[in-house]
Amino acid sequence: PIAGVYETQTQLFSEKIAIKEIRVYVKPLVANNVFKLDLIGSDAAVIPNSTQTFTVGTNATAGDDIVRYAPDVNQTYALGLRITNSGSANMTIKKVEIDYEEVKS
């Protein structure tokens, strides 16, 4: 919903992970779609440097059905996703993919 927030459960990992890329598949974007993605850690706090805001006309294009970014974040044992829709046009996210590598200690 407009001005809505969705948060996934936090996944715990037995080894630290290094996040490589995030891909968000959406219904084709339209004017006034704006949404923010935050990666969240085990304490439900936003992981520093993980936030990315997508705004149609700025860093996303109307008609696109995928957006992606590569956050420069520290390795983590826990990962969740918070999505905040702040645009004036509703949007639908179909799927989120997160590429990561386990980091052996």
PDB file of N, CA and C in Angstrom:
ATOM      1  N   PRO A   1       0.814  -1.202   0.000  1.00  0.00           N
ATOM      2  CA  PRO A   1       0.000   0.000   0.000  1.00  0.00           C
ATOM      3  C   PRO A   1       0.854   1.261   0.000  1.00  0.00           C
ATOM      4  N   ILE A   2       0.253   2.350  -0.438  1.00  0.00           N
ATOM      5  CA  ILE A   2       0.974   3.616  -0.436  1.00  0.00           C
ATOM      6  C   ILE A   2       1.352   3.949   1.001  1.00  0.00           C
ATOM      7  N   ALA A   3       2.584   4.395   1.204  1.00  0.00           N
ATOM      8  CA  ALA A   3       3.135   4.718   2.518  1.00  0.00           C
ATOM      9  C   ALA A   3       3.182   3.485   3.416  1.00  0.00           C
ATOM     10  N   GLY A   4       3.190   2.289   2.824  1.00  0.00           N
ATOM     11  CA  GLY A   4       3.247   1.061   3.593  1.00  0.00           C
ATOM     12  C   GLY A   4       4.662   0.586   3.806  1.00  0.00           C
ATOM     13  N   VAL A   5       4.827  -0.241   4.829  1.00  0.00           N
ATOM     14  CA  VAL A   5       6.120  -0.845   5.136  1.00  0.00           C
ATOM     15  C   VAL A   5       5.922  -2.350   5.243  1.00  0.00           C
ATOM     16  N   TYR A   6       6.783  -3.097   4.579  1.00  0.00           N
ATOM     17  CA  TYR A   6       6.766  -4.551   4.643  1.00  0.00           C
ATOM     18  C   TYR A   6       8.129  -4.997   5.127  1.00  0.00           C
ATOM     19  N   GLU A   7       8.148  -5.934   6.063  1.00  0.00           N
ATOM     20  CA  GLU A   7       9.420  -6.433   6.582  1.00  0.00           C
ATOM     21  C   GLU A   7       9.390  -7.949   6.604  1.00  0.00           C
ATOM     22  N   THR A   8      10.441  -8.557   6.071  1.00  0.00           N
ATOM     23  CA  THR A   8      10.542 -10.007   6.075  1.00  0.00           C
ATOM     24  C   THR A   8      11.006 -10.496   7.444  1.00  0.00           C
ATOM     25  N   GLN A   9      10.920 -11.798   7.641  1.00  0.00           N
ATOM     26  CA  GLN A   9      11.569 -12.387   8.799  1.00  0.00           C
ATOM     27  C   GLN A   9      13.077 -12.304   8.574  1.00  0.00           C
ATOM     28  N   THR A  10      13.837 -12.322   9.640  1.00  0.00           N
ATOM     29  CA  THR A  10      15.291 -12.273   9.536  1.00  0.00           C
ATOM     30  C   THR A  10      15.829 -13.693   9.470  1.00  0.00           C
ATOM     31  N   GLN A  11      16.627 -13.957   8.453  1.00  0.00           N
ATOM     32  CA  GLN A  11      17.252 -15.263   8.274  1.00  0.00           C
ATOM     33  C   GLN A  11      18.575 -15.280   9.020  1.00  0.00           C
ATOM     34  N   LEU A  12      18.798 -16.311   9.823  1.00  0.00           N
ATOM     35  CA  LEU A  12      20.064 -16.469  10.535  1.00  0.00           C
ATOM     36  C   LEU A  12      20.936 -17.461   9.776  1.00  0.00           C
ATOM     37  N   PHE A  13      22.232 -17.205   9.722  1.00  0.00           N
ATOM     38  CA  PHE A  13      23.178 -18.047   9.005  1.00  0.00           C
ATOM     39  C   PHE A  13      24.209 -18.589   9.979  1.00  0.00           C
ATOM     40  N   SER A  14      24.716 -19.794   9.725  1.00  0.00           N
ATOM     41  CA  SER A  14      25.718 -20.386  10.615  1.00  0.00           C
ATOM     42  C   SER A  14      27.100 -19.777  10.400  1.00  0.00           C
ATOM     43  N   GLU A  15      27.337 -19.215   9.227  1.00  0.00           N
ATOM     44  CA  GLU A  15      28.574 -18.496   8.913  1.00  0.00           C
ATOM     45  C   GLU A  15      28.192 -17.086   8.479  1.00  0.00           C
ATOM     46  N   LYS A  16      29.121 -16.159   8.587  1.00  0.00           N
ATOM     47  CA  LYS A  16      28.847 -14.816   8.080  1.00  0.00           C
ATOM     48  C   LYS A  16      28.672 -14.880   6.568  1.00  0.00           C
ATOM     49  N   ILE A  17      27.886 -13.940   6.043  1.00  0.00           N
ATOM     50  CA  ILE A  17      27.695 -13.847   4.607  1.00  0.00           C
ATOM     51  C   ILE A  17      28.140 -12.470   4.118  1.00  0.00           C
ATOM     52  N   ALA A  18      28.594 -12.437   2.878  1.00  0.00           N
ATOM     53  CA  ALA A  18      28.941 -11.192   2.200  1.00  0.00           C
ATOM     54  C   ALA A  18      27.906 -11.002   1.091  1.00  0.00           C
ATOM     55  N   ILE A  19      27.192  -9.904   1.126  1.00  0.00           N
ATOM     56  CA  ILE A  19      26.125  -9.643   0.163  1.00  0.00           C
ATOM     57  C   ILE A  19      26.733  -9.060  -1.108  1.00  0.00           C
ATOM     58  N   LYS A  20      26.357  -9.627  -2.246  1.00  0.00           N
ATOM     59  CA  LYS A  20      26.922  -9.215  -3.538  1.00  0.00           C
ATOM     60  C   LYS A  20      25.960  -8.334  -4.335  1.00  0.00           C
ATOM     61  N   GLU A  21      24.700  -8.745  -4.467  1.00  0.00           N
ATOM     62  CA  GLU A  21      23.750  -7.985  -5.274  1.00  0.00           C
ATOM     63  C   GLU A  21      22.328  -8.280  -4.825  1.00  0.00           C
ATOM     64  N   ILE A  22      21.468  -7.282  -4.971  1.00  0.00           N
ATOM     65  CA  ILE A  22      20.037  -7.420  -4.677  1.00  0.00           C
ATOM     66  C   ILE A  22      19.282  -7.085  -5.954  1.00  0.00           C
ATOM     67  N   ARG A  23      18.363  -7.963  -6.330  1.00  0.00           N
ATOM     68  CA  ARG A  23      17.500  -7.731  -7.489  1.00  0.00           C
ATOM     69  C   ARG A  23      16.052  -7.756  -7.025  1.00  0.00           C
ATOM     70  N   VAL A  24      15.299  -6.760  -7.446  1.00  0.00           N
ATOM     71  CA  VAL A  24      13.892  -6.658  -7.082  1.00  0.00           C
ATOM     72  C   VAL A  24      13.074  -6.676  -8.370  1.00  0.00           C
ATOM     73  N   TYR A  25      12.231  -7.696  -8.503  1.00  0.00           N
ATOM     74  CA  TYR A  25      11.363  -7.833  -9.665  1.00  0.00           C
ATOM     75  C   TYR A  25      10.012  -7.221  -9.307  1.00  0.00           C
ATOM     76  N   VAL A  26       9.545  -6.314 -10.150  1.00  0.00           N
ATOM     77  CA  VAL A  26       8.324  -5.553  -9.866  1.00  0.00           C
ATOM     78  C   VAL A  26       7.386  -5.612 -11.063  1.00  0.00           C
ATOM     79  N   LYS A  27       6.104  -5.282 -10.809  1.00  0.00           N
ATOM     80  CA  LYS A  27       5.229  -4.994 -11.945  1.00  0.00           C
ATOM     81  C   LYS A  27       5.844  -3.776 -12.610  1.00  0.00           C
ATOM     82  N   PRO A  28       5.694  -3.615 -13.921  1.00  0.00           N
ATOM     83  CA  PRO A  28       6.344  -2.474 -14.570  1.00  0.00           C
ATOM     84  C   PRO A  28       6.105  -1.168 -13.811  1.00  0.00           C
ATOM     85  N   LEU A  29       7.210  -0.468 -13.564  1.00  0.00           N
ATOM     86  CA  LEU A  29       7.149   0.776 -12.802  1.00  0.00           C
ATOM     87  C   LEU A  29       6.416   1.855 -13.588  1.00  0.00           C
ATOM     88  N   VAL A  30       5.774   2.747 -12.841  1.00  0.00           N
ATOM     89  CA  VAL A  30       5.054   3.880 -13.434  1.00  0.00           C
ATOM     90  C   VAL A  30       5.528   5.158 -12.752  1.00  0.00           C
ATOM     91  N   ALA A  31       5.139   6.293 -13.330  1.00  0.00           N
ATOM     92  CA  ALA A  31       5.474   7.578 -12.722  1.00  0.00           C
ATOM     93  C   ALA A  31       5.008   7.596 -11.275  1.00  0.00           C
ATOM     94  N   ASN A  32       5.771   8.227 -10.423  1.00  0.00           N
ATOM     95  CA  ASN A  32       5.492   8.394  -8.993  1.00  0.00           C
ATOM     96  C   ASN A  32       5.708   7.132  -8.160  1.00  0.00           C
ATOM     97  N   ASN A  33       6.333   6.091  -8.730  1.00  0.00           N
ATOM     98  CA  ASN A  33       6.759   4.959  -7.902  1.00  0.00           C
ATOM     99  C   ASN A  33       8.044   5.353  -7.201  1.00  0.00           C
ATOM    100  N   VAL A  34       8.050   5.254  -5.884  1.00  0.00           N
ATOM    101  CA  VAL A  34       9.238   5.495  -5.066  1.00  0.00           C
ATOM    102  C   VAL A  34       9.206   4.464  -3.947  1.00  0.00           C
ATOM    103  N   PHE A  35      10.288   3.701  -3.807  1.00  0.00           N
ATOM    104  CA  PHE A  35      10.361   2.772  -2.682  1.00  0.00           C
ATOM    105  C   PHE A  35      11.784   2.644  -2.205  1.00  0.00           C
ATOM    106  N   LYS A  36      11.913   2.335  -0.918  1.00  0.00           N
ATOM    107  CA  LYS A  36      13.215   2.240  -0.257  1.00  0.00           C
ATOM    108  C   LYS A  36      13.409   0.822   0.232  1.00  0.00           C
ATOM    109  N   LEU A  37      14.597   0.286   0.019  1.00  0.00           N
ATOM    110  CA  LEU A  37      14.976  -1.024   0.534  1.00  0.00           C
ATOM    111  C   LEU A  37      16.030  -0.837   1.609  1.00  0.00           C
ATOM    112  N   ASP A  38      15.824  -1.483   2.744  1.00  0.00           N
ATOM    113  CA  ASP A  38      16.810  -1.510   3.829  1.00  0.00           C
ATOM    114  C   ASP A  38      17.113  -2.966   4.128  1.00  0.00           C
ATOM    115  N   LEU A  39      18.381  -3.285   4.295  1.00  0.00           N
ATOM    116  CA  LEU A  39      18.750  -4.598   4.821  1.00  0.00           C
ATOM    117  C   LEU A  39      18.802  -4.458   6.327  1.00  0.00           C
ATOM    118  N   ILE A  40      18.246  -5.430   7.016  1.00  0.00           N
ATOM    119  CA  ILE A  40      18.221  -5.365   8.474  1.00  0.00           C
ATOM    120  C   ILE A  40      18.975  -6.552   9.057  1.00  0.00           C
ATOM    121  N   GLY A  41      19.604  -6.298  10.204  1.00  0.00           N
ATOM    122  CA  GLY A  41      20.406  -7.318  10.876  1.00  0.00           C
ATOM    123  C   GLY A  41      19.648  -7.969  12.017  1.00  0.00           C
ATOM    124  N   SER A  42      20.382  -8.679  12.847  1.00  0.00           N
ATOM    125  CA  SER A  42      19.778  -9.478  13.915  1.00  0.00           C
ATOM    126  C   SER A  42      19.056  -8.646  14.959  1.00  0.00           C
ATOM    127  N   ASP A  43      19.443  -7.386  15.116  1.00  0.00           N
ATOM    128  CA  ASP A  43      18.797  -6.534  16.114  1.00  0.00           C
ATOM    129  C   ASP A  43      17.656  -5.716  15.509  1.00  0.00           C
ATOM    130  N   ALA A  44      17.236  -6.057  14.292  1.00  0.00           N
ATOM    131  CA  ALA A  44      16.165  -5.367  13.553  1.00  0.00           C
ATOM    132  C   ALA A  44      16.539  -3.942  13.169  1.00  0.00           C
ATOM    133  N   ALA A  45      17.824  -3.605  13.318  1.00  0.00           N
ATOM    134  CA  ALA A  45      18.294  -2.284  12.908  1.00  0.00           C
ATOM    135  C   ALA A  45      18.789  -2.354  11.464  1.00  0.00           C
ATOM    136  N   VAL A  46      18.713  -1.239  10.767  1.00  0.00           N
ATOM    137  CA  VAL A  46      19.199  -1.168   9.392  1.00  0.00           C
ATOM    138  C   VAL A  46      20.716  -1.350   9.386  1.00  0.00           C
ATOM    139  N   ILE A  47      21.199  -2.215   8.512  1.00  0.00           N
ATOM    140  CA  ILE A  47      22.635  -2.428   8.364  1.00  0.00           C
ATOM    141  C   ILE A  47      23.227  -1.181   7.696  1.00  0.00           C
ATOM    142  N   PRO A  48      24.258  -0.591   8.282  1.00  0.00           N
ATOM    143  CA  PRO A  48      24.838   0.622   7.701  1.00  0.00           C
ATOM    144  C   PRO A  48      25.205   0.448   6.217  1.00  0.00           C
ATOM    145  N   ASN A  49      24.940   1.462   5.432  1.00  0.00           N
ATOM    146  CA  ASN A  49      25.229   1.519   3.994  1.00  0.00           C
ATOM    147  C   ASN A  49      24.378   0.578   3.151  1.00  0.00           C
ATOM    148  N   SER A  50      23.294   0.043   3.693  1.00  0.00           N
ATOM    149  CA  SER A  50      22.483  -0.923   2.945  1.00  0.00           C
ATOM    150  C   SER A  50      21.252  -0.314   2.296  1.00  0.00           C
ATOM    151  N   THR A  51      20.920   0.912   2.627  1.00  0.00           N
ATOM    152  CA  THR A  51      19.684   1.521   2.145  1.00  0.00           C
ATOM    153  C   THR A  51      19.822   1.986   0.699  1.00  0.00           C
ATOM    154  N   GLN A  52      18.804   1.667  -0.089  1.00  0.00           N
ATOM    155  CA  GLN A  52      18.751   2.151  -1.471  1.00  0.00           C
ATOM    156  C   GLN A  52      17.319   2.594  -1.753  1.00  0.00           C
ATOM    157  N   THR A  53      17.157   3.820  -2.220  1.00  0.00           N
ATOM    158  CA  THR A  53      15.844   4.325  -2.613  1.00  0.00           C
ATOM    159  C   THR A  53      15.769   4.349  -4.129  1.00  0.00           C
ATOM    160  N   PHE A  54      14.695   3.794  -4.668  1.00  0.00           N
ATOM    161  CA  PHE A  54      14.463   3.789  -6.109  1.00  0.00           C
ATOM    162  C   PHE A  54      13.335   4.762  -6.411  1.00  0.00           C
ATOM    163  N   THR A  55      13.592   5.707  -7.311  1.00  0.00           N
ATOM    164  CA  THR A  55      12.625   6.722  -7.696  1.00  0.00           C
ATOM    165  C   THR A  55      12.520   6.736  -9.214  1.00  0.00           C
ATOM    166  N   VAL A  56      11.304   6.492  -9.725  1.00  0.00           N
ATOM    167  CA  VAL A  56      11.108   6.538 -11.171  1.00  0.00           C
ATOM    168  C   VAL A  56      11.430   7.950 -11.655  1.00  0.00           C
ATOM    169  N   GLY A  57      12.264   8.024 -12.674  1.00  0.00           N
ATOM    170  CA  GLY A  57      12.690   9.305 -13.216  1.00  0.00           C
ATOM    171  C   GLY A  57      14.044   9.743 -12.694  1.00  0.00           C
ATOM    172  N   THR A  58      14.529   9.089 -11.634  1.00  0.00           N
ATOM    173  CA  THR A  58      15.844   9.425 -11.079  1.00  0.00           C
ATOM    174  C   THR A  58      16.812   8.264 -11.294  1.00  0.00           C
ATOM    175  N   ASN A  59      16.580   7.153 -10.605  1.00  0.00           N
ATOM    176  CA  ASN A  59      17.454   5.990 -10.766  1.00  0.00           C
ATOM    177  C   ASN A  59      16.678   4.730 -11.145  1.00  0.00           C
ATOM    178  N   ALA A  60      15.442   4.904 -11.580  1.00  0.00           N
ATOM    179  CA  ALA A  60      14.611   3.826 -12.118  1.00  0.00           C
ATOM    180  C   ALA A  60      13.795   4.432 -13.258  1.00  0.00           C
ATOM    181  N   THR A  61      13.394   3.584 -14.182  1.00  0.00           N
ATOM    182  CA  THR A  61      12.711   4.060 -15.375  1.00  0.00           C
ATOM    183  C   THR A  61      11.319   3.460 -15.466  1.00  0.00           C
ATOM    184  N   ALA A  62      10.346   4.288 -15.789  1.00  0.00           N
ATOM    185  CA  ALA A  62       8.977   3.794 -15.996  1.00  0.00           C
ATOM    186  C   ALA A  62       9.027   2.689 -17.042  1.00  0.00           C
ATOM    187  N   GLY A  63       8.305   1.615 -16.775  1.00  0.00           N
ATOM    188  CA  GLY A  63       8.288   0.464 -17.667  1.00  0.00           C
ATOM    189  C   GLY A  63       9.256  -0.634 -17.265  1.00  0.00           C
ATOM    190  N   ASP A  64      10.277  -0.303 -16.465  1.00  0.00           N
ATOM    191  CA  ASP A  64      11.209  -1.331 -15.994  1.00  0.00           C
ATOM    192  C   ASP A  64      10.466  -2.336 -15.117  1.00  0.00           C
ATOM    193  N   ASP A  65      10.906  -3.613 -15.168  1.00  0.00           N
ATOM    194  CA  ASP A  65      10.308  -4.621 -14.300  1.00  0.00           C
ATOM    195  C   ASP A  65      11.337  -5.242 -13.357  1.00  0.00           C
ATOM    196  N   ILE A  66      12.521  -4.649 -13.312  1.00  0.00           N
ATOM    197  CA  ILE A  66      13.556  -5.085 -12.368  1.00  0.00           C
ATOM    198  C   ILE A  66      14.421  -3.879 -12.000  1.00  0.00           C
ATOM    199  N   VAL A  67      14.807  -3.816 -10.733  1.00  0.00           N
ATOM    200  CA  VAL A  67      15.811  -2.858 -10.271  1.00  0.00           C
ATOM    201  C   VAL A  67      16.831  -3.650  -9.478  1.00  0.00           C
ATOM    202  N   ARG A  68      18.054  -3.146  -9.441  1.00  0.00           N
ATOM    203  CA  ARG A  68      19.106  -3.889  -8.742  1.00  0.00           C
ATOM    204  C   ARG A  68      20.111  -2.925  -8.136  1.00  0.00           C
ATOM    205  N   TYR A  69      20.794  -3.423  -7.115  1.00  0.00           N
ATOM    206  CA  TYR A  69      21.903  -2.654  -6.544  1.00  0.00           C
ATOM    207  C   TYR A  69      22.834  -3.584  -5.793  1.00  0.00           C
ATOM    208  N   ALA A  70      24.053  -3.116  -5.588  1.00  0.00           N
ATOM    209  CA  ALA A  70      25.087  -3.875  -4.889  1.00  0.00           C
ATOM    210  C   ALA A  70      25.512  -3.073  -3.667  1.00  0.00           C
ATOM    211  N   PRO A  71      24.941  -3.376  -2.504  1.00  0.00           N
ATOM    212  CA  PRO A  71      25.290  -2.596  -1.308  1.00  0.00           C
ATOM    213  C   PRO A  71      26.702  -2.910  -0.833  1.00  0.00           C
ATOM    214  N   ASP A  72      27.358  -1.894  -0.304  1.00  0.00           N
ATOM    215  CA  ASP A  72      28.701  -2.055   0.246  1.00  0.00           C
ATOM    216  C   ASP A  72      28.555  -2.141   1.761  1.00  0.00           C
ATOM    217  N   VAL A  73      28.257  -3.361   2.246  1.00  0.00           N
ATOM    218  CA  VAL A  73      27.969  -3.551   3.667  1.00  0.00           C
ATOM    219  C   VAL A  73      28.933  -4.558   4.281  1.00  0.00           C
ATOM    220  N   ASN A  74      29.049  -4.478   5.600  1.00  0.00           N
ATOM    221  CA  ASN A  74      29.851  -5.449   6.331  1.00  0.00           C
ATOM    222  C   ASN A  74      29.195  -6.818   6.284  1.00  0.00           C
ATOM    223  N   GLN A  75      29.997  -7.836   6.504  1.00  0.00           N
ATOM    224  CA  GLN A  75      29.472  -9.203   6.572  1.00  0.00           C
ATOM    225  C   GLN A  75      28.537  -9.319   7.771  1.00  0.00           C
ATOM    226  N   THR A  76      27.581 -10.251   7.680  1.00  0.00           N
ATOM    227  CA  THR A  76      26.583 -10.375   8.732  1.00  0.00           C
ATOM    228  C   THR A  76      26.179 -11.838   8.937  1.00  0.00           C
ATOM    229  N   TYR A  77      25.699 -12.154  10.140  1.00  0.00           N
ATOM    230  CA  TYR A  77      25.150 -13.476  10.446  1.00  0.00           C
ATOM    231  C   TYR A  77      23.638 -13.522  10.251  1.00  0.00           C
ATOM    232  N   ALA A  78      23.014 -12.366  10.096  1.00  0.00           N
ATOM    233  CA  ALA A  78      21.555 -12.296  10.015  1.00  0.00           C
ATOM    234  C   ALA A  78      21.164 -11.294   8.937  1.00  0.00           C
ATOM    235  N   LEU A  79      20.072 -11.618   8.224  1.00  0.00           N
ATOM    236  CA  LEU A  79      19.659 -10.728   7.143  1.00  0.00           C
ATOM    237  C   LEU A  79      18.144 -10.756   6.969  1.00  0.00           C
ATOM    238  N   GLY A  80      17.576  -9.575   6.918  1.00  0.00           N
ATOM    239  CA  GLY A  80      16.166  -9.392   6.600  1.00  0.00           C
ATOM    240  C   GLY A  80      16.044  -8.218   5.657  1.00  0.00           C
ATOM    241  N   LEU A  81      14.837  -7.959   5.194  1.00  0.00           N
ATOM    242  CA  LEU A  81      14.600  -6.898   4.228  1.00  0.00           C
ATOM    243  C   LEU A  81      13.393  -6.082   4.658  1.00  0.00           C
ATOM    244  N   ARG A  82      13.545  -4.767   4.619  1.00  0.00           N
ATOM    245  CA  ARG A  82      12.440  -3.851   4.900  1.00  0.00           C
ATOM    246  C   ARG A  82      12.200  -3.024   3.638  1.00  0.00           C
ATOM    247  N   ILE A  83      10.948  -3.000   3.187  1.00  0.00           N
ATOM    248  CA  ILE A  83      10.568  -2.254   1.987  1.00  0.00           C
ATOM    249  C   ILE A  83       9.579  -1.183   2.400  1.00  0.00           C
ATOM    250  N   THR A  84       9.870   0.056   2.054  1.00  0.00           N
ATOM    251  CA  THR A  84       8.987   1.173   2.379  1.00  0.00           C
ATOM    252  C   THR A  84       8.546   1.832   1.082  1.00  0.00           C
ATOM    253  N   ASN A  85       7.233   1.857   0.842  1.00  0.00           N
ATOM    254  CA  ASN A  85       6.681   2.506  -0.346  1.00  0.00           C
ATOM    255  C   ASN A  85       6.354   3.940   0.020  1.00  0.00           C
ATOM    256  N   SER A  86       7.057   4.884  -0.592  1.00  0.00           N
ATOM    257  CA  SER A  86       6.822   6.281  -0.240  1.00  0.00           C
ATOM    258  C   SER A  86       6.355   7.115  -1.426  1.00  0.00           C
ATOM    259  N   GLY A  87       6.085   6.467  -2.544  1.00  0.00           N
ATOM    260  CA  GLY A  87       5.593   7.196  -3.708  1.00  0.00           C
ATOM    261  C   GLY A  87       4.095   7.429  -3.623  1.00  0.00           C
ATOM    262  N   SER A  88       3.579   8.185  -4.565  1.00  0.00           N
ATOM    263  CA  SER A  88       2.144   8.448  -4.590  1.00  0.00           C
ATOM    264  C   SER A  88       1.408   7.480  -5.518  1.00  0.00           C
ATOM    265  N   ALA A  89       2.151   6.569  -6.159  1.00  0.00           N
ATOM    266  CA  ALA A  89       1.536   5.528  -6.981  1.00  0.00           C
ATOM    267  C   ALA A  89       1.849   4.181  -6.349  1.00  0.00           C
ATOM    268  N   ASN A  90       0.832   3.347  -6.241  1.00  0.00           N
ATOM    269  CA  ASN A  90       1.043   2.025  -5.667  1.00  0.00           C
ATOM    270  C   ASN A  90       1.927   1.199  -6.585  1.00  0.00           C
ATOM    271  N   MET A  91       2.588   0.217  -6.026  1.00  0.00           N
ATOM    272  CA  MET A  91       3.453  -0.656  -6.806  1.00  0.00           C
ATOM    273  C   MET A  91       3.389  -2.058  -6.240  1.00  0.00           C
ATOM    274  N   THR A  92       3.828  -3.022  -7.032  1.00  0.00           N
ATOM    275  CA  THR A  92       3.816  -4.412  -6.613  1.00  0.00           C
ATOM    276  C   THR A  92       5.191  -5.015  -6.836  1.00  0.00           C
ATOM    277  N   ILE A  93       5.743  -5.596  -5.787  1.00  0.00           N
ATOM    278  CA  ILE A  93       6.993  -6.339  -5.893  1.00  0.00           C
ATOM    279  C   ILE A  93       6.624  -7.803  -6.045  1.00  0.00           C
ATOM    280  N   LYS A  94       7.180  -8.437  -7.073  1.00  0.00           N
ATOM    281  CA  LYS A  94       6.894  -9.843  -7.337  1.00  0.00           C
ATOM    282  C   LYS A  94       7.868 -10.779  -6.624  1.00  0.00           C
ATOM    283  N   LYS A  95       9.146 -10.389  -6.623  1.00  0.00           N
ATOM    284  CA  LYS A  95      10.166 -11.278  -6.068  1.00  0.00           C
ATOM    285  C   LYS A  95      11.412 -10.461  -5.765  1.00  0.00           C
ATOM    286  N   VAL A  96      12.148 -10.878  -4.726  1.00  0.00           N
ATOM    287  CA  VAL A  96      13.434 -10.277  -4.391  1.00  0.00           C
ATOM    288  C   VAL A  96      14.466 -11.394  -4.360  1.00  0.00           C
ATOM    289  N   GLU A  97      15.584 -11.188  -5.036  1.00  0.00           N
ATOM    290  CA  GLU A  97      16.691 -12.145  -5.009  1.00  0.00           C
ATOM    291  C   GLU A  97      17.899 -11.455  -4.397  1.00  0.00           C
ATOM    292  N   ILE A  98      18.588 -12.172  -3.521  1.00  0.00           N
ATOM    293  CA  ILE A  98      19.789 -11.640  -2.875  1.00  0.00           C
ATOM    294  C   ILE A  98      20.924 -12.623  -3.121  1.00  0.00           C
ATOM    295  N   ASP A  99      21.945 -12.152  -3.807  1.00  0.00           N
ATOM    296  CA  ASP A  99      23.142 -12.964  -4.031  1.00  0.00           C
ATOM    297  C   ASP A  99      24.111 -12.711  -2.883  1.00  0.00           C
ATOM    298  N   TYR A 100      24.634 -13.789  -2.307  1.00  0.00           N
ATOM    299  CA  TYR A 100      25.593 -13.654  -1.212  1.00  0.00           C
ATOM    300  C   TYR A 100      26.555 -14.823  -1.249  1.00  0.00           C
ATOM    301  N   GLU A 101      27.656 -14.671  -0.547  1.00  0.00           N
ATOM    302  CA  GLU A 101      28.650 -15.741  -0.391  1.00  0.00           C
ATOM    303  C   GLU A 101      28.867 -15.973   1.098  1.00  0.00           C
ATOM    304  N   GLU A 102      29.002 -17.243   1.476  1.00  0.00           N
ATOM    305  CA  GLU A 102      29.384 -17.544   2.852  1.00  0.00           C
ATOM    306  C   GLU A 102      30.850 -17.200   3.035  1.00  0.00           C
ATOM    307  N   VAL A 103      31.166 -16.663   4.202  1.00  0.00           N
ATOM    308  CA  VAL A 103      32.535 -16.298   4.517  1.00  0.00           C
ATOM    309  C   VAL A 103      33.006 -17.239   5.615  1.00  0.00           C
ATOM    310  N   LYS A 104      33.939 -18.082   5.297  1.00  0.00           N
ATOM    311  CA  LYS A 104      34.449 -19.054   6.280  1.00  0.00           C
ATOM    312  C   LYS A 104      35.347 -18.330   7.272  1.00  0.00           C
ATOM    313  N   SER A 105      35.106 -18.613   8.547  1.00  0.00           N
ATOM    314  CA  SER A 105      35.918 -17.956   9.578  1.00  0.00           C
ATOM    315  C   SER A 105      37.183 -18.698   9.883  1.00  0.00           C
TER     316      SER A 105
END
